[in-house]
């Protein structure tokens, strides 16, 4: 019988995220060498130089996200230095005394709304550290915080309705092939998938949270992870046990903090695709016939692009400016602002390197042609099968392909011109094909180690990827089956 010490040692010996990603990179490189000989030139065997340069090229490819995460670290460091974040969490937990459990479903559905509407994924990274501390203060563990963010936004992306990076890219790819798509059907199916999967996930997380609160020994976290989480988030969580009050400066900082995130979220939402009047309010610029700016929109003064057209460069600019504003409002000196921002950005370097390494795997697969080779083989396999077989098999095909191409927009761009016409040729609904793609890649992006957002977020919460998989595996199987049933029924009906 193993002793607790032996078990703890074994848990501490689990491979880190870096090791897992390097192993996956090596496996992909070996696979390209094996497949190259039978692919008829479609796949090129990865050279040693391809393997060694993949992380660097991944960093270059993911540079906007990496810079965003570093600036975010400086922003969060500034918040922590003012004391507003720790005290704010304490006040929130105190007000929710006895009702802490309900913060989980509320936040999960809010994140799901972001996921289904504009593909909220990398943008969730800031919330991992924040909610890890909040859930620890509420008597749960950091895993509850990470699950609230990842599963909430993830289920929203799984059931994308107007998400431009999934549905938008897929519809555009189908249009290029002359296939018209009914957006109403997509929105209806997306809402069904989002609501059902988010509700199932919320119940799952709430049940785990209740167990942890009743018995700390029921946590999935290893002793080392618990220690790391305590060091990273313990100070904020400990404040919840004290009778703290927010100063006037801290209240102002918290309002600025909330405002910053609201603006970021709205900035990423493609307002022009949703409502012309709302988009026009933020984008009142005047342009010539070639699209050159004659008079700049008022909301573009800071970032150069109006709200509703932002991406990571604009978000990074916004967080950089607001970090300085928070430092000034919080009463920090000039030297303290500079030192705090640099320290906060430095704390994010491990997260940045994980994101870069994860992106390197996708870069290697694209460079060798492995991703397209597998896609073409899968499409040939599906030709000529009935609807009740086509839908679940297509789901599984996308499930497998999603490990090769974790980017939803990238997957839509390369796969829909192949899979969409195939579905139409067989007499199936192209709208259902879009949702099969969205649901399958959505499930995979709840746990794939090739997702920089997942690996980076878990790193912030001080949770190993292997721990996350053990925790979420049962739920992922359930969500996979539920999504397959919904999409298969839709394929048979529509």
Protein backbone atom coordinates (compact mmCIF):
# COMPACT_ATOMS: atom_id res chain seq x y z
CA UNK A 1 0.00 0.00 0.00
CA UNK A 2 1.44 3.38 -1.02
CA UNK A 3 2.04 5.96 1.65
CA UNK A 4 0.91 9.57 1.26
CA UNK A 5 4.54 10.62 0.80
CA UNK A 6 5.02 8.17 -2.08
CA UNK A 7 1.81 9.37 -3.73
CA UNK A 8 2.84 12.98 -3.34
CA UNK A 9 6.23 12.26 -4.89
CA UNK A 10 4.57 10.55 -7.81
CA UNK A 11 2.28 13.50 -8.38
CA UNK A 12 5.15 15.95 -8.15
CA UNK A 13 6.92 13.89 -10.79
CA UNK A 14 4.24 14.51 -13.45
CA UNK A 15 5.64 16.17 -16.57
CA UNK A 16 5.30 19.93 -16.88
CA UNK A 17 3.43 21.68 -19.69
CA UNK A 18 6.73 22.42 -21.42
CA UNK A 19 7.71 18.75 -21.45
CA UNK A 20 4.31 17.66 -22.75
CA UNK A 21 4.39 20.20 -25.58
CA UNK A 22 7.96 19.32 -26.57
CA UNK A 23 7.00 15.64 -26.63
CA UNK A 24 4.02 16.42 -28.88
CA UNK A 25 6.24 18.46 -31.17
CA UNK A 26 8.63 15.53 -31.47
CA UNK A 27 5.76 13.09 -32.14
CA UNK A 28 4.41 15.31 -34.93
CA UNK A 29 7.89 15.54 -36.48
CA UNK A 30 8.23 11.73 -36.42
CA UNK A 31 4.75 11.29 -37.94
CA UNK A 32 5.66 13.57 -40.85
CA UNK A 33 8.71 11.40 -41.54
CA UNK A 34 6.55 8.26 -41.55
CA UNK A 35 3.71 9.70 -43.67
CA UNK A 36 6.01 11.44 -46.17
CA UNK A 37 6.92 8.14 -47.78
CA UNK A 38 3.31 7.15 -48.53
CA UNK A 39 1.72 10.54 -49.19
CA UNK A 40 2.90 10.92 -52.76
CA UNK A 41 4.64 14.18 -52.00
CA UNK A 42 1.70 15.74 -50.12
CA UNK A 43 3.66 15.67 -46.86
CA UNK A 44 7.26 16.71 -46.39
CA UNK A 45 9.29 15.01 -43.69
CA UNK A 46 10.25 17.45 -40.93
CA UNK A 47 13.98 18.09 -40.82
CA UNK A 48 15.84 18.45 -37.50
CA UNK A 49 16.01 22.19 -38.16
CA UNK A 50 12.21 22.27 -38.56
CA UNK A 51 11.83 20.70 -35.13
CA UNK A 52 14.30 23.01 -33.40
CA UNK A 53 13.02 26.21 -35.01
CA UNK A 54 9.31 25.41 -34.54
CA UNK A 55 9.10 27.01 -31.04
CA UNK A 56 10.79 30.18 -32.31
CA UNK A 57 8.51 30.34 -35.36
CA UNK A 58 5.58 29.62 -33.05
CA UNK A 59 6.60 32.61 -30.93
CA UNK A 60 6.73 34.81 -34.03
CA UNK A 61 3.34 33.51 -35.17
CA UNK A 62 1.78 34.09 -31.74
CA UNK A 63 3.58 37.36 -31.03
CA UNK A 64 0.43 39.53 -30.72
CA UNK A 65 -1.03 37.12 -28.14
CA UNK A 66 2.28 36.82 -26.27
CA UNK A 67 2.68 40.59 -26.06
CA UNK A 68 -0.91 40.91 -24.88
CA UNK A 69 -0.26 38.42 -22.07
CA UNK A 70 2.92 40.23 -20.97
CA UNK A 71 1.19 43.62 -20.86
CA UNK A 72 -1.71 41.98 -19.07
CA UNK A 73 0.77 40.78 -16.44
CA UNK A 74 1.87 44.35 -15.87
CA UNK A 75 -1.76 45.45 -15.65
CA UNK A 76 -2.65 42.77 -13.07
CA UNK A 77 0.55 43.52 -11.14
CA UNK A 78 -0.54 47.13 -10.87
CA UNK A 79 -3.94 46.07 -9.60
CA UNK A 80 -2.35 43.87 -6.95
CA UNK A 81 0.04 46.62 -5.85
CA UNK A 82 -2.84 49.02 -5.15
CA UNK A 83 -4.49 46.42 -2.89
CA UNK A 84 -7.80 46.97 -4.66
CA UNK A 85 -7.95 43.48 -6.18
CA UNK A 86 -7.33 41.59 -2.94
CA UNK A 87 -9.73 43.73 -0.93
CA UNK A 88 -12.31 43.65 -3.72
CA UNK A 89 -12.30 39.85 -3.72
CA UNK A 90 -12.68 39.85 0.07
CA UNK A 91 -15.67 42.19 -0.06
CA UNK A 92 -17.30 40.12 -2.84
CA UNK A 93 -16.89 36.85 -0.95
CA UNK A 94 -18.21 38.44 2.23
CA UNK A 95 -21.35 39.66 0.44
CA UNK A 96 -21.88 36.20 -1.07
CA UNK A 97 -21.43 34.43 2.26
CA UNK A 98 -23.43 31.20 2.09
CA UNK A 99 -24.22 31.70 -1.60
CA UNK A 100 -20.70 31.45 -3.08
CA UNK A 101 -21.63 28.40 -5.14
CA UNK A 102 -23.96 30.45 -7.38
CA UNK A 103 -21.15 32.60 -8.70
CA UNK A 104 -20.08 29.55 -10.75
CA UNK A 105 -23.11 29.16 -13.08
CA UNK A 106 -23.57 32.93 -13.38
CA UNK A 107 -19.99 33.48 -14.52
CA UNK A 108 -20.00 30.40 -16.74
CA UNK A 109 -23.02 31.62 -18.70
CA UNK A 110 -21.46 35.09 -19.00
CA UNK A 111 -18.27 33.54 -20.40
CA UNK A 112 -20.41 31.32 -22.66
CA UNK A 113 -22.09 34.43 -24.04
CA UNK A 114 -18.66 35.79 -24.94
CA UNK A 115 -17.68 32.48 -26.52
CA UNK A 116 -20.75 32.06 -28.69
CA UNK A 117 -20.83 35.69 -29.83
CA UNK A 118 -17.21 36.52 -30.61
CA UNK A 119 -15.14 33.45 -29.84
CA UNK A 120 -13.84 34.53 -26.44
CA UNK A 121 -10.76 32.34 -25.90
CA UNK A 122 -7.34 34.00 -25.60
CA UNK A 123 -9.15 36.95 -24.03
CA UNK A 124 -10.06 34.75 -21.05
CA UNK A 125 -6.42 34.34 -19.95
CA UNK A 126 -6.58 37.32 -17.51
CA UNK A 127 -9.50 35.76 -15.65
CA UNK A 128 -7.72 32.54 -14.65
CA UNK A 129 -5.56 34.15 -11.95
CA UNK A 130 -8.39 36.38 -10.78
CA UNK A 131 -10.95 33.58 -10.41
CA UNK A 132 -8.40 31.16 -8.95
CA UNK A 133 -7.94 33.59 -6.06
CA UNK A 134 -11.68 34.30 -5.83
CA UNK A 135 -12.62 30.62 -5.64
CA UNK A 136 -9.91 29.92 -3.05
CA UNK A 137 -11.30 32.78 -0.97
CA UNK A 138 -14.78 31.27 -1.32
CA UNK A 139 -13.56 27.98 0.16
CA UNK A 140 -13.09 26.07 -3.09
CA UNK A 141 -9.82 25.50 -4.99
CA UNK A 142 -8.14 27.12 -8.03
CA UNK A 143 -9.39 24.30 -10.25
CA UNK A 144 -12.95 25.58 -9.74
CA UNK A 145 -11.85 29.01 -10.96
CA UNK A 146 -10.06 27.61 -14.01
CA UNK A 147 -13.03 25.37 -14.86
CA UNK A 148 -15.45 28.29 -14.60
CA UNK A 149 -13.46 30.24 -17.19
CA UNK A 150 -12.40 27.43 -19.52
CA UNK A 151 -15.67 25.50 -19.62
CA UNK A 152 -17.82 28.63 -19.71
CA UNK A 153 -16.09 30.27 -22.67
CA UNK A 154 -15.35 26.87 -24.21
CA UNK A 155 -18.98 25.75 -24.29
CA UNK A 156 -19.89 29.10 -25.83
CA UNK A 157 -17.34 28.55 -28.62
CA UNK A 158 -18.59 24.97 -28.99
CA UNK A 159 -22.05 26.36 -29.77
CA UNK A 160 -20.95 29.39 -31.78
CA UNK A 161 -23.81 31.47 -33.14
CA UNK A 162 -22.24 34.61 -34.65
CA UNK A 163 -18.63 33.94 -33.66
CA UNK A 164 -16.65 35.43 -36.57
CA UNK A 165 -13.63 33.20 -35.96
CA UNK A 166 -15.68 30.00 -36.28
CA UNK A 167 -19.10 30.48 -37.90
CA UNK A 168 -18.07 33.64 -39.75
CA UNK A 169 -14.95 32.04 -41.23
CA UNK A 170 -16.87 28.85 -42.12
CA UNK A 171 -19.71 30.69 -43.84
CA UNK A 172 -17.23 32.83 -45.75
CA UNK A 173 -15.39 29.69 -46.91
CA UNK A 174 -18.66 28.12 -48.08
CA UNK A 175 -19.66 31.32 -49.89
CA UNK A 176 -16.41 31.17 -51.83
CA UNK A 177 -17.65 27.81 -53.16
CA UNK A 178 -21.06 29.26 -54.09
CA UNK A 179 -22.90 27.60 -51.18
CA UNK A 180 -25.55 29.75 -49.47
CA UNK A 181 -26.02 29.33 -45.73
CA UNK A 182 -29.09 30.08 -43.59
CA UNK A 183 -27.78 32.02 -40.59
CA UNK A 184 -31.03 31.51 -38.63
CA UNK A 185 -30.50 27.74 -38.59
CA UNK A 186 -26.90 28.19 -37.44
CA UNK A 187 -27.91 30.55 -34.62
CA UNK A 188 -30.68 28.17 -33.46
CA UNK A 189 -28.37 25.14 -33.41
CA UNK A 190 -25.63 27.18 -31.76
CA UNK A 191 -27.94 28.32 -28.98
CA UNK A 192 -29.08 24.77 -28.31
CA UNK A 193 -25.48 23.53 -28.09
CA UNK A 194 -24.37 26.47 -25.94
CA UNK A 195 -27.20 26.27 -23.41
CA UNK A 196 -27.18 22.48 -23.07
CA UNK A 197 -23.40 22.05 -22.75
CA UNK A 198 -22.95 25.05 -20.44
CA UNK A 199 -25.72 23.82 -18.13
CA UNK A 200 -24.17 20.34 -17.96
CA UNK A 201 -20.74 21.84 -17.26
CA UNK A 202 -22.07 24.20 -14.59
CA UNK A 203 -23.67 21.32 -12.68
CA UNK A 204 -20.42 19.33 -12.98
CA UNK A 205 -18.28 22.16 -11.60
CA UNK A 206 -20.75 23.03 -8.84
CA UNK A 207 -20.80 19.42 -7.63
CA UNK A 208 -16.99 19.35 -7.50
CA UNK A 209 -16.89 22.72 -5.71
CA UNK A 210 -19.29 21.45 -3.04
CA UNK A 211 -17.11 18.37 -2.45
CA UNK A 212 -13.96 20.46 -2.10
CA UNK A 213 -15.60 22.88 0.31
CA UNK A 214 -16.86 20.01 2.45
CA UNK A 215 -13.57 18.08 2.30
CA UNK A 216 -10.33 19.74 1.17
CA UNK A 217 -8.85 16.28 0.63
CA UNK A 218 -11.20 15.68 -2.32
CA UNK A 219 -9.31 18.18 -4.50
CA UNK A 220 -7.73 16.98 -7.72
CA UNK A 221 -4.68 19.15 -7.10
CA UNK A 222 -1.39 17.57 -6.07
CA UNK A 223 0.37 18.80 -2.94
CA UNK A 224 2.83 20.73 -5.12
CA UNK A 225 0.01 22.40 -7.05
CA UNK A 226 -1.70 23.34 -3.81
CA UNK A 227 1.55 24.86 -2.56
CA UNK A 228 2.09 26.78 -5.80
CA UNK A 229 -1.49 28.04 -5.77
CA UNK A 230 -1.13 29.16 -2.16
CA UNK A 231 2.01 31.11 -3.01
CA UNK A 232 0.42 32.70 -6.08
CA UNK A 233 -3.13 33.35 -4.88
CA UNK A 234 -3.03 32.79 -1.12
CA UNK A 235 -2.57 36.44 -0.18
CA UNK A 236 -5.71 37.48 -2.04
CA UNK A 237 -7.65 34.52 -0.69
CA UNK A 238 -6.48 35.19 2.89
CA UNK A 239 -7.86 38.72 2.75
CA UNK A 240 -11.35 37.25 2.53
CA UNK A 241 -11.11 36.08 6.13
CA UNK A 242 -10.46 39.62 7.34
CA UNK A 243 -12.92 42.42 7.91
CA UNK A 244 -11.52 44.67 5.18
CA UNK A 245 -12.92 47.84 3.68
CA UNK A 246 -12.19 49.46 0.38
CA UNK A 247 -10.63 52.92 0.41
CA UNK A 248 -11.84 55.62 -1.93
CA UNK A 249 -8.82 55.08 -4.18
CA UNK A 250 -9.37 51.32 -4.26
CA UNK A 251 -13.02 51.73 -5.21
CA UNK A 252 -12.01 54.02 -8.06
CA UNK A 253 -9.38 51.49 -9.18
CA UNK A 254 -11.95 48.67 -9.20
CA UNK A 255 -14.32 50.72 -11.35
CA UNK A 256 -11.48 51.41 -13.77
CA UNK A 257 -10.59 47.70 -13.70
CA UNK A 258 -14.16 46.71 -14.62
CA UNK A 259 -14.38 49.42 -17.28
CA UNK A 260 -11.13 48.22 -18.85
CA UNK A 261 -12.43 44.68 -19.31
CA UNK A 262 -15.83 45.81 -20.59
CA UNK A 263 -14.19 47.99 -23.24
CA UNK A 264 -11.86 45.13 -24.22
CA UNK A 265 -14.75 42.69 -24.63
CA UNK A 266 -16.85 45.13 -26.67
CA UNK A 267 -13.76 46.00 -28.68
CA UNK A 268 -13.41 42.41 -29.87
CA UNK A 269 -17.09 41.92 -30.79
CA UNK A 270 -17.63 42.44 -34.56
CA UNK A 271 -20.33 45.08 -34.09
CA UNK A 272 -20.65 45.75 -37.82
CA UNK A 273 -21.87 42.18 -38.33
CA UNK A 274 -24.41 42.43 -35.50
CA UNK A 275 -25.93 45.90 -35.62
CA UNK A 276 -25.14 48.71 -38.04
CA UNK A 277 -26.42 51.47 -35.71
CA UNK A 278 -24.28 50.30 -32.79
CA UNK A 279 -21.25 49.92 -35.05
CA UNK A 280 -21.86 53.40 -36.44
CA UNK A 281 -21.90 54.89 -32.94
CA UNK A 282 -18.33 53.70 -32.34
CA UNK A 283 -17.16 54.14 -35.92
CA UNK A 284 -18.23 57.63 -37.01
CA UNK A 285 -15.11 58.16 -39.09
CA UNK A 286 -15.14 59.56 -42.61
CA UNK A 287 -13.40 57.58 -45.36
CA UNK A 288 -12.66 58.16 -49.04
CA UNK A 289 -13.54 55.75 -51.86
CA UNK A 290 -10.39 53.73 -51.24
CA UNK A 291 -11.08 53.35 -47.53
CA UNK A 292 -8.46 55.88 -46.42
CA UNK A 293 -9.28 57.81 -43.26
CA UNK A 294 -10.36 61.42 -43.79
CA UNK A 295 -11.69 61.94 -40.27
CA UNK A 296 -10.87 59.39 -37.55
CA UNK A 297 -13.63 57.75 -35.48
CA UNK A 298 -13.80 58.96 -31.87
CA UNK A 299 -13.26 55.45 -30.47
CA UNK A 300 -10.15 55.00 -32.63
CA UNK A 301 -8.22 57.91 -31.11
CA UNK A 302 -6.23 55.69 -28.70
CA UNK A 303 -5.70 52.48 -30.67
CA UNK A 304 -6.11 53.57 -34.28
CA UNK A 305 -9.06 51.23 -34.85
CA UNK A 306 -12.64 51.85 -33.66
CA UNK A 307 -14.22 49.66 -31.01
CA UNK A 308 -15.67 46.58 -32.68
CA UNK A 309 -12.65 46.14 -34.93
CA UNK A 310 -10.01 45.42 -32.28
CA UNK A 311 -7.60 42.54 -32.13
CA UNK A 312 -4.64 41.86 -29.86
CA UNK A 313 -2.52 44.88 -30.81
CA UNK A 314 -5.37 47.21 -29.89
CA UNK A 315 -6.14 45.29 -26.68
CA UNK A 316 -2.46 45.42 -25.68
CA UNK A 317 -2.41 49.19 -26.21
CA UNK A 318 -5.57 49.59 -24.14
CA UNK A 319 -4.29 47.52 -21.21
CA UNK A 320 -0.91 49.29 -21.26
CA UNK A 321 -2.56 52.70 -20.95
CA UNK A 322 -5.04 51.57 -18.30
CA UNK A 323 -2.26 49.99 -16.23
CA UNK A 324 -0.62 53.41 -15.98
CA UNK A 325 -3.98 55.05 -15.18
CA UNK A 326 -4.60 52.53 -12.39
CA UNK A 327 -1.13 53.15 -10.96
CA UNK A 328 -1.75 56.91 -10.86
CA UNK A 329 -5.27 56.63 -9.41
CA UNK A 330 -4.00 54.06 -6.91
CA UNK A 331 -1.49 56.55 -5.58
CA UNK A 332 1.69 54.79 -6.73
CA UNK A 333 4.85 56.76 -7.41
CA UNK A 334 6.40 56.97 -10.88
CA UNK A 335 9.18 54.55 -9.93
CA UNK A 336 6.72 52.15 -8.32
CA UNK A 337 4.53 52.16 -11.43
CA UNK A 338 7.48 51.31 -13.67
CA UNK A 339 8.89 48.63 -11.34
CA UNK A 340 5.48 47.05 -10.76
CA UNK A 341 4.65 46.88 -14.46
CA UNK A 342 8.01 45.30 -15.32
CA UNK A 343 7.68 42.78 -12.48
CA UNK A 344 4.12 41.86 -13.52
CA UNK A 345 5.15 41.40 -17.15
CA UNK A 346 8.10 39.24 -16.06
CA UNK A 347 5.78 36.97 -14.09
CA UNK A 348 4.04 36.11 -17.36
CA UNK A 349 7.13 34.84 -19.18
CA UNK A 350 6.41 31.17 -18.45
CA UNK A 351 2.89 31.63 -19.81
CA UNK A 352 4.23 33.37 -22.91
CA UNK A 353 6.71 30.58 -23.61
CA UNK A 354 3.99 27.94 -23.22
CA UNK A 355 1.79 29.77 -25.74
CA UNK A 356 4.70 30.05 -28.18
CA UNK A 357 5.59 26.36 -27.83
CA UNK A 358 1.97 25.31 -28.37
CA UNK A 359 1.75 27.45 -31.51
CA UNK A 360 4.99 25.90 -32.77
CA UNK A 361 3.24 22.53 -33.15
CA UNK A 362 0.66 24.06 -35.50
CA UNK A 363 3.40 25.84 -37.43
CA UNK A 364 5.28 22.56 -37.96
CA UNK A 365 2.18 20.73 -39.20
CA UNK A 366 1.30 23.49 -41.64
CA UNK A 367 4.87 23.72 -42.93
CA UNK A 368 5.07 19.98 -43.66
CA UNK A 369 1.55 19.70 -45.15
CA UNK A 370 0.47 17.10 -42.58
CA UNK A 371 -2.72 18.99 -41.70
CA UNK A 372 -4.07 19.12 -45.28
CA UNK A 373 -3.08 15.52 -46.00
CA UNK A 374 -5.13 14.21 -43.08
CA UNK A 375 -8.06 16.46 -44.03
CA UNK A 376 -8.19 15.19 -47.62
CA UNK A 377 -8.02 11.57 -46.45
CA UNK A 378 -10.90 12.17 -44.02
CA UNK A 379 -13.10 13.74 -46.71
CA UNK A 380 -12.57 10.75 -49.01
CA UNK A 381 -13.55 8.39 -46.21
CA UNK A 382 -16.91 10.16 -45.66
CA UNK A 383 -18.05 10.09 -49.26
CA UNK A 384 -21.31 8.18 -49.83
CA UNK A 385 -22.46 7.46 -46.24
CA UNK A 386 -26.04 8.06 -44.89
CA UNK A 387 -26.87 10.99 -42.57
CA UNK A 388 -26.99 9.02 -39.30
CA UNK A 389 -23.46 7.82 -40.03
CA UNK A 390 -22.15 10.93 -41.79
CA UNK A 391 -22.81 13.33 -38.89
CA UNK A 392 -21.11 11.37 -36.06
CA UNK A 393 -18.21 10.28 -38.28
CA UNK A 394 -17.75 13.86 -39.55
CA UNK A 395 -17.76 14.97 -35.92
CA UNK A 396 -15.03 12.45 -35.08
CA UNK A 397 -13.04 13.51 -38.15
CA UNK A 398 -13.13 17.13 -37.03
CA UNK A 399 -12.37 15.99 -33.50
CA UNK A 400 -9.14 14.42 -34.74
CA UNK A 401 -8.27 17.25 -37.11
CA UNK A 402 -8.66 19.79 -34.31
CA UNK A 403 -5.51 18.47 -32.66
CA UNK A 404 -3.66 19.28 -35.88
CA UNK A 405 -5.29 22.69 -36.40
CA UNK A 406 -6.48 24.11 -33.05
CA UNK A 407 -7.32 27.49 -34.62
CA UNK A 408 -11.04 27.71 -35.41
CA UNK A 409 -10.57 30.25 -38.19
CA UNK A 410 -7.67 28.26 -39.61
CA UNK A 411 -9.68 25.05 -39.51
CA UNK A 412 -12.68 26.71 -41.15
CA UNK A 413 -10.54 28.21 -43.91
CA UNK A 414 -8.82 24.97 -44.90
CA UNK A 415 -11.61 22.45 -44.24
CA UNK A 416 -14.92 24.04 -45.21
CA UNK A 417 -14.11 24.31 -48.95
CA UNK A 418 -13.71 20.50 -48.82
CA UNK A 419 -16.25 19.35 -46.23
CA UNK A 420 -19.02 21.83 -47.13
CA UNK A 421 -19.38 20.84 -50.79
CA UNK A 422 -19.10 17.17 -49.75
CA UNK A 423 -22.10 17.60 -47.40
CA UNK A 424 -24.14 19.37 -50.10
CA UNK A 425 -23.25 16.74 -52.69
CA UNK A 426 -24.55 14.03 -50.35
CA UNK A 427 -27.77 16.02 -49.74
CA UNK A 428 -26.98 17.17 -46.21
CA UNK A 429 -27.45 20.62 -44.68
CA UNK A 430 -24.38 22.88 -44.96
CA UNK A 431 -25.58 24.64 -41.78
CA UNK A 432 -25.30 21.38 -39.84
CA UNK A 433 -21.83 20.86 -41.33
CA UNK A 434 -20.81 24.24 -39.91
CA UNK A 435 -22.11 23.28 -36.47
CA UNK A 436 -20.43 19.86 -36.58
CA UNK A 437 -17.17 21.68 -37.21
CA UNK A 438 -17.86 24.23 -34.45
CA UNK A 439 -18.92 21.64 -31.87
CA UNK A 440 -16.08 19.20 -32.56
CA UNK A 441 -13.29 21.75 -32.47
CA UNK A 442 -15.04 23.33 -29.47
CA UNK A 443 -14.85 20.09 -27.48
CA UNK A 444 -11.20 19.55 -28.38
CA UNK A 445 -10.35 23.11 -27.38
CA UNK A 446 -11.55 22.32 -23.87
CA UNK A 447 -8.44 20.24 -23.26
CA UNK A 448 -5.97 20.17 -26.16
CA UNK A 449 -2.41 21.01 -25.10
CA UNK A 450 -1.82 22.70 -28.45
CA UNK A 451 -4.07 25.59 -27.34
CA UNK A 452 -1.98 28.45 -26.01
CA UNK A 453 -4.98 29.91 -24.18
CA UNK A 454 -5.57 26.69 -22.22
CA UNK A 455 -1.94 26.07 -21.38
CA UNK A 456 -1.33 29.70 -20.53
CA UNK A 457 -4.47 30.01 -18.43
CA UNK A 458 -3.80 26.82 -16.49
CA UNK A 459 -0.26 28.02 -15.87
CA UNK A 460 -1.61 31.24 -14.37
CA UNK A 461 -3.95 29.25 -12.13
CA UNK A 462 -1.00 27.01 -11.13
CA UNK A 463 -2.66 23.86 -12.47
CA UNK A 464 -0.84 21.23 -14.53
CA UNK A 465 -2.43 20.16 -17.80
CA UNK A 466 -2.46 16.50 -16.68
CA UNK A 467 -4.46 17.49 -13.60
CA UNK A 468 -6.97 19.35 -15.76
CA UNK A 469 -7.46 16.33 -18.03
CA UNK A 470 -8.05 14.02 -15.06
CA UNK A 471 -10.61 16.44 -13.69
CA UNK A 472 -12.44 17.16 -16.95
CA UNK A 473 -12.19 13.82 -18.78
CA UNK A 474 -15.58 12.48 -17.72
CA UNK A 475 -17.27 15.78 -18.57
CA UNK A 476 -15.52 15.98 -21.95
CA UNK A 477 -16.82 12.51 -22.86
CA UNK A 478 -20.35 13.59 -21.88
CA UNK A 479 -20.13 16.84 -23.88
CA UNK A 480 -18.78 14.94 -26.87
CA UNK A 481 -21.69 12.48 -26.84
CA UNK A 482 -24.29 15.21 -26.28
CA UNK A 483 -22.87 17.31 -29.14
CA UNK A 484 -22.80 14.29 -31.45
CA UNK A 485 -26.42 13.46 -30.67
CA UNK A 486 -27.62 17.05 -31.25
CA UNK A 487 -25.77 17.45 -34.55
CA UNK A 488 -26.75 13.97 -35.78
CA UNK A 489 -30.44 14.62 -35.10
CA UNK A 490 -30.13 17.98 -36.86
CA UNK A 491 -28.47 16.31 -39.85
CA UNK A 492 -31.29 13.76 -40.11
CA UNK A 493 -34.04 16.40 -39.82
CA UNK A 494 -32.71 19.31 -41.88
